[in-house]
C-alpha atoms as a PDB file:
ATOM      1  CA  MET A   1      54.023  51.819  51.841  1.00  0.00           C
ATOM      2  CA  GLY A   2      55.371  48.639  51.996  1.00  0.00           C
ATOM      3  CA  GLU A   3      54.900  45.500  49.781  1.00  0.00           C
ATOM      4  CA  ASN A   4      51.900  43.055  49.891  1.00  0.00           C
ATOM      5  CA  PRO A   5      53.139  40.358  51.848  1.00  0.00           C
ATOM      6  CA  ARG A   6      50.196  38.185  50.526  1.00  0.00           C
ATOM      7  CA  ALA A   7      51.190  39.127  46.921  1.00  0.00           C
ATOM      8  CA  ALA A   8      54.669  38.117  48.096  1.00  0.00           C
ATOM      9  CA  LYS A   9      53.601  35.198  48.950  1.00  0.00           C
ATOM     10  CA  LEU A  10      51.435  34.280  46.245  1.00  0.00           C
ATOM     11  CA  ALA A  11      54.207  34.948  43.905  1.00  0.00           C
ATOM     12  CA  ASP A  12      56.747  32.717  45.246  1.00  0.00           C
ATOM     13  CA  ARG A  13      53.788  30.126  44.959  1.00  0.00           C
ATOM     14  CA  ILE A  14      53.019  30.905  41.583  1.00  0.00           C
ATOM     15  CA  LYS A  15      56.324  30.671  40.379  1.00  0.00           C
ATOM     16  CA  GLU A  16      57.029  27.014  42.045  1.00  0.00           C
ATOM     17  CA  ILE A  17      53.469  25.963  40.181  1.00  0.00           C
ATOM     18  CA  VAL A  18      54.584  27.146  36.865  1.00  0.00           C
ATOM     19  CA  ALA A  19      58.358  26.077  37.110  1.00  0.00           C
ATOM     20  CA  LYS A  20      57.020  22.831  38.035  1.00  0.00           C
ATOM     21  CA  ARG A  21      54.651  22.330  34.933  1.00  0.00           C
ATOM     22  CA  LEU A  22      57.442  23.664  32.989  1.00  0.00           C
ATOM     23  CA  GLU A  23      59.667  21.122  34.445  1.00  0.00           C
ATOM     24  CA  LYS A  24      57.331  18.100  33.623  1.00  0.00           C
ATOM     25  CA  GLY A  25      57.322  19.352  30.017  1.00  0.00           C
ATOM     26  CA  LEU A  26      54.743  21.038  27.889  1.00  0.00           C
ATOM     27  CA  ARG A  27      53.302  18.875  24.814  1.00  0.00           C
ATOM     28  CA  ASP A  28      54.636  22.173  22.642  1.00  0.00           C
ATOM     29  CA  PRO A  29      57.932  21.049  20.878  1.00  0.00           C
ATOM     30  CA  ARG A  30      58.870  24.733  20.113  1.00  0.00           C
ATOM     31  CA  LEU A  31      59.524  25.050  24.010  1.00  0.00           C
ATOM     32  CA  GLY A  32      63.271  25.628  24.534  1.00  0.00           C
ATOM     33  CA  PHE A  33      64.921  25.592  28.323  1.00  0.00           C
ATOM     34  CA  VAL A  34      62.758  28.272  29.795  1.00  0.00           C
ATOM     35  CA  THR A  35      64.068  29.181  33.458  1.00  0.00           C
ATOM     36  CA  ILE A  36      61.644  31.216  35.487  1.00  0.00           C
ATOM     37  CA  THR A  37      63.240  34.043  37.198  1.00  0.00           C
ATOM     38  CA  ASP A  38      61.143  36.060  38.828  1.00  0.00           C
ATOM     39  CA  VAL A  39      56.967  36.759  39.706  1.00  0.00           C
ATOM     40  CA  ARG A  40      55.680  39.908  40.213  1.00  0.00           C
ATOM     41  CA  VAL A  41      51.837  39.934  41.532  1.00  0.00           C
ATOM     42  CA  THR A  42      50.175  43.266  41.757  1.00  0.00           C
ATOM     43  CA  GLY A  43      48.602  44.209  44.958  1.00  0.00           C
ATOM     44  CA  ASP A  44      44.963  43.225  44.005  1.00  0.00           C
ATOM     45  CA  LEU A  45      46.485  39.946  43.134  1.00  0.00           C
ATOM     46  CA  GLN A  46      44.515  40.158  39.654  1.00  0.00           C
ATOM     47  CA  HIS A  47      47.519  39.996  37.512  1.00  0.00           C
ATOM     48  CA  ALA A  48      50.820  38.247  37.576  1.00  0.00           C
ATOM     49  CA  SER A  49      53.596  39.152  35.409  1.00  0.00           C
ATOM     50  CA  ILE A  50      56.198  35.977  35.320  1.00  0.00           C
ATOM     51  CA  PHE A  51      59.727  36.589  33.915  1.00  0.00           C
ATOM     52  CA  TYR A  52      61.514  33.969  32.431  1.00  0.00           C
ATOM     53  CA  THR A  53      65.282  33.575  30.526  1.00  0.00           C
ATOM     54  CA  VAL A  54      65.600  30.919  27.467  1.00  0.00           C
ATOM     55  CA  TYR A  55      69.016  29.143  27.270  1.00  0.00           C
ATOM     56  CA  GLY A  56      69.854  29.297  23.548  1.00  0.00           C
ATOM     57  CA  THR A  57      69.634  31.020  20.268  1.00  0.00           C
ATOM     58  CA  ASP A  58      67.416  34.086  18.981  1.00  0.00           C
ATOM     59  CA  GLU A  59      65.027  31.323  17.448  1.00  0.00           C
ATOM     60  CA  GLU A  60      64.650  29.227  19.915  1.00  0.00           C
ATOM     61  CA  ARG A  61      63.476  32.240  22.446  1.00  0.00           C
ATOM     62  CA  THR A  62      61.360  33.497  20.164  1.00  0.00           C
ATOM     63  CA  ASP A  63      60.004  30.020  19.680  1.00  0.00           C
ATOM     64  CA  SER A  64      59.715  29.619  23.709  1.00  0.00           C
ATOM     65  CA  ALA A  65      57.881  32.686  23.872  1.00  0.00           C
ATOM     66  CA  ALA A  66      55.259  31.659  21.168  1.00  0.00           C
ATOM     67  CA  ALA A  67      55.100  28.080  23.153  1.00  0.00           C
ATOM     68  CA  LEU A  68      54.201  30.009  26.735  1.00  0.00           C
ATOM     69  CA  LYS A  69      51.760  32.552  25.218  1.00  0.00           C
ATOM     70  CA  ALA A  70      49.998  29.330  23.408  1.00  0.00           C
ATOM     71  CA  ALA A  71      50.040  27.515  27.053  1.00  0.00           C
ATOM     72  CA  THR A  72      48.940  30.286  28.961  1.00  0.00           C
ATOM     73  CA  GLY A  73      45.607  29.054  29.427  1.00  0.00           C
ATOM     74  CA  MET A  74      46.632  25.690  30.234  1.00  0.00           C
ATOM     75  CA  LEU A  75      49.209  27.266  32.911  1.00  0.00           C
ATOM     76  CA  ARG A  76      46.408  29.503  34.753  1.00  0.00           C
ATOM     77  CA  THR A  77      44.538  26.691  35.036  1.00  0.00           C
ATOM     78  CA  GLU A  78      47.232  24.839  36.924  1.00  0.00           C
ATOM     79  CA  VAL A  79      47.667  27.952  39.088  1.00  0.00           C
ATOM     80  CA  GLY A  80      43.766  28.030  39.821  1.00  0.00           C
ATOM     81  CA  ARG A  81      44.259  24.841  40.723  1.00  0.00           C
ATOM     82  CA  ASN A  82      46.875  24.922  43.247  1.00  0.00           C
ATOM     83  CA  ILE A  83      46.470  28.328  44.864  1.00  0.00           C
ATOM     84  CA  THR A  84      43.885  28.864  47.576  1.00  0.00           C
ATOM     85  CA  ALA A  85      42.812  32.819  46.227  1.00  0.00           C
ATOM     86  CA  ARG A  86      39.074  33.210  45.552  1.00  0.00           C
ATOM     87  CA  LEU A  87      40.541  34.677  41.946  1.00  0.00           C
ATOM     88  CA  THR A  88      42.873  32.673  40.323  1.00  0.00           C
ATOM     89  CA  PRO A  89      45.511  35.816  38.519  1.00  0.00           C
ATOM     90  CA  SER A  90      45.846  36.428  34.660  1.00  0.00           C
ATOM     91  CA  LEU A  91      49.561  35.216  33.694  1.00  0.00           C
ATOM     92  CA  GLU A  92      51.677  37.345  31.441  1.00  0.00           C
ATOM     93  CA  PHE A  93      55.117  36.109  29.728  1.00  0.00           C
ATOM     94  CA  ILE A  94      58.080  38.559  29.879  1.00  0.00           C
ATOM     95  CA  ALA A  95      61.369  37.594  28.402  1.00  0.00           C
ATOM     96  CA  ASP A  96      63.941  38.522  31.018  1.00  0.00           C
ATOM     97  CA  ALA A  97      66.995  40.529  29.835  1.00  0.00           C
ATOM     98  CA  ILE A  98      69.374  39.385  32.635  1.00  0.00           C
ATOM     99  CA  PRO A  99      71.901  37.534  30.491  1.00  0.00           C
ATOM    100  CA  GLU A 100      71.939  39.812  27.921  1.00  0.00           C
ATOM    101  CA  ASN A 101      72.620  42.711  30.246  1.00  0.00           C
ATOM    102  CA  ALA A 102      75.147  40.890  32.243  1.00  0.00           C
ATOM    103  CA  ASP A 103      76.921  40.155  29.100  1.00  0.00           C
ATOM    104  CA  ARG A 104      76.677  44.051  28.374  1.00  0.00           C
ATOM    105  CA  ILE A 105      78.013  44.747  31.965  1.00  0.00           C
ATOM    106  CA  SER A 106      80.859  42.242  31.906  1.00  0.00           C
ATOM    107  CA  SER A 107      81.802  43.647  28.301  1.00  0.00           C
ATOM    108  CA  LEU A 108      81.713  47.066  29.473  1.00  0.00           C
ATOM    109  CA  LEU A 109      83.901  46.089  32.647  1.00  0.00           C
ATOM    110  CA  ARG A 110      86.610  44.562  30.598  1.00  0.00           C
ATOM    111  CA  GLU A 111      86.742  47.487  28.297  1.00  0.00           C
ATOM    112  CA  ALA A 112      87.335  49.657  31.302  1.00  0.00           C
ATOM    113  CA  ALA A 113      89.740  47.789  32.712  1.00  0.00           C
ATOM    114  CA  GLN A 114      92.009  47.747  29.053  1.00  0.00           C
ATOM    115  CA  ARG A 115      91.353  51.743  29.044  1.00  0.00           C
ATOM    116  CA  ASP A 116      92.593  51.997  32.694  1.00  0.00           C
ATOM    117  CA  SER A 117      95.814  49.817  31.648  1.00  0.00           C
ATOM    118  CA  ASP A 118      96.495  51.719  28.685  1.00  0.00           C
ATOM    119  CA  SER A 119      95.887  55.009  30.838  1.00  0.00           C
ATOM    120  CA  ALA A 120      98.910  53.523  33.315  1.00  0.00           C
ATOM    121  CA  ALA A 121     101.137  52.539  30.988  1.00  0.00           C
ATOM    122  CA  LEU A 122     101.111  56.169  28.830  1.00  0.00           C
ATOM    123  CA  ALA A 123     101.582  57.578  32.221  1.00  0.00           C
ATOM    124  CA  SER A 124     104.306  55.350  33.233  1.00  0.00           C
ATOM    125  CA  GLY A 125     106.598  56.857  30.456  1.00  0.00           C
ATOM    126  CA  ALA A 126     104.905  60.405  30.607  1.00  0.00           C
ATOM    127  CA  HIS A 127     107.379  63.567  31.838  1.00  0.00           C
ATOM    128  CA  TYR A 128     106.125  66.942  32.912  1.00  0.00           C
ATOM    129  CA  ALA A 129     105.186  69.254  29.984  1.00  0.00           C
ATOM    130  CA  GLY A 130     107.072  72.107  32.727  1.00  0.00           C
ATOM    131  CA  ASP A 131     108.613  72.298  35.634  1.00  0.00           C
ATOM    132  CA  GLU A 132     107.889  69.135  38.044  1.00  0.00           C
ATOM    133  CA  ASP A 133     106.657  72.028  40.721  1.00  0.00           C
ATOM    134  CA  PRO A 134     104.887  74.243  38.706  1.00  0.00           C
ATOM    135  CA  TYR A 135     103.802  76.262  41.511  1.00  0.00           C
ATOM    136  CA  VAL A 136     105.391  79.695  42.217  1.00  0.00           C
ATOM    137  CA  LYS A 137     107.762  79.834  45.233  1.00  0.00           C
ATOM    138  CA  PRO A 138     109.172  82.640  47.053  1.00  0.00           C
ATOM    139  CA  ARG A 139     112.428  84.315  45.293  1.00  0.00           C
ATOM    140  CA  GLU A 140     115.080  83.605  47.392  1.00  0.00           C
ATOM    141  CA  LEU A 141     117.223  86.581  48.137  1.00  0.00           C
ATOM    142  CA  ASP A 142     121.126  86.560  47.570  1.00  0.00           C
ATOM    143  CA  ASP A 143     123.978  88.362  49.871  1.00  0.00           C
ATOM    144  CA  GLU A 144     124.546  90.508  46.936  1.00  0.00           C
ATOM    145  CA  ASP A 145     121.250  91.704  46.375  1.00  0.00           C
ATOM    146  CA  ASP A 146     120.868  93.008  49.930  1.00  0.00           C
ATOM    147  CA  GLU A 147     123.646  95.512  49.598  1.00  0.00           C
ATOM    148  CA  ASP A 148     121.690  97.207  46.293  1.00  0.00           C
END
């Protein structure tokens, strides 16, 4: 079953409305540099989950989360004025972990590259423990062995 196209359009519209309202600014000094990354609306158009990131320290992230929670009602009113749906969906702000995940992935990739270079350096100076060709080959008979 495919995604509801009406829900996708409404999600895009909500993202646009909330981003513009945040760009204008809220009167809350706790609000930091917030970026709306994604909006997901349920199939019945009753609930919208708004994912956001905050540029700054952990303290600024918690302050911005509190400011968005306090401004949820005002933002829902703003969304209700600017959409053409019968009911205005409830809004839920969820901190998006994209930057933290990206940092973690890049550090893991750096660690993997370092381990690869370390193992390549070890392999370049390595020698075989036994023969270079460990497979058993058929014995070659000498002329002397044929006489016996």
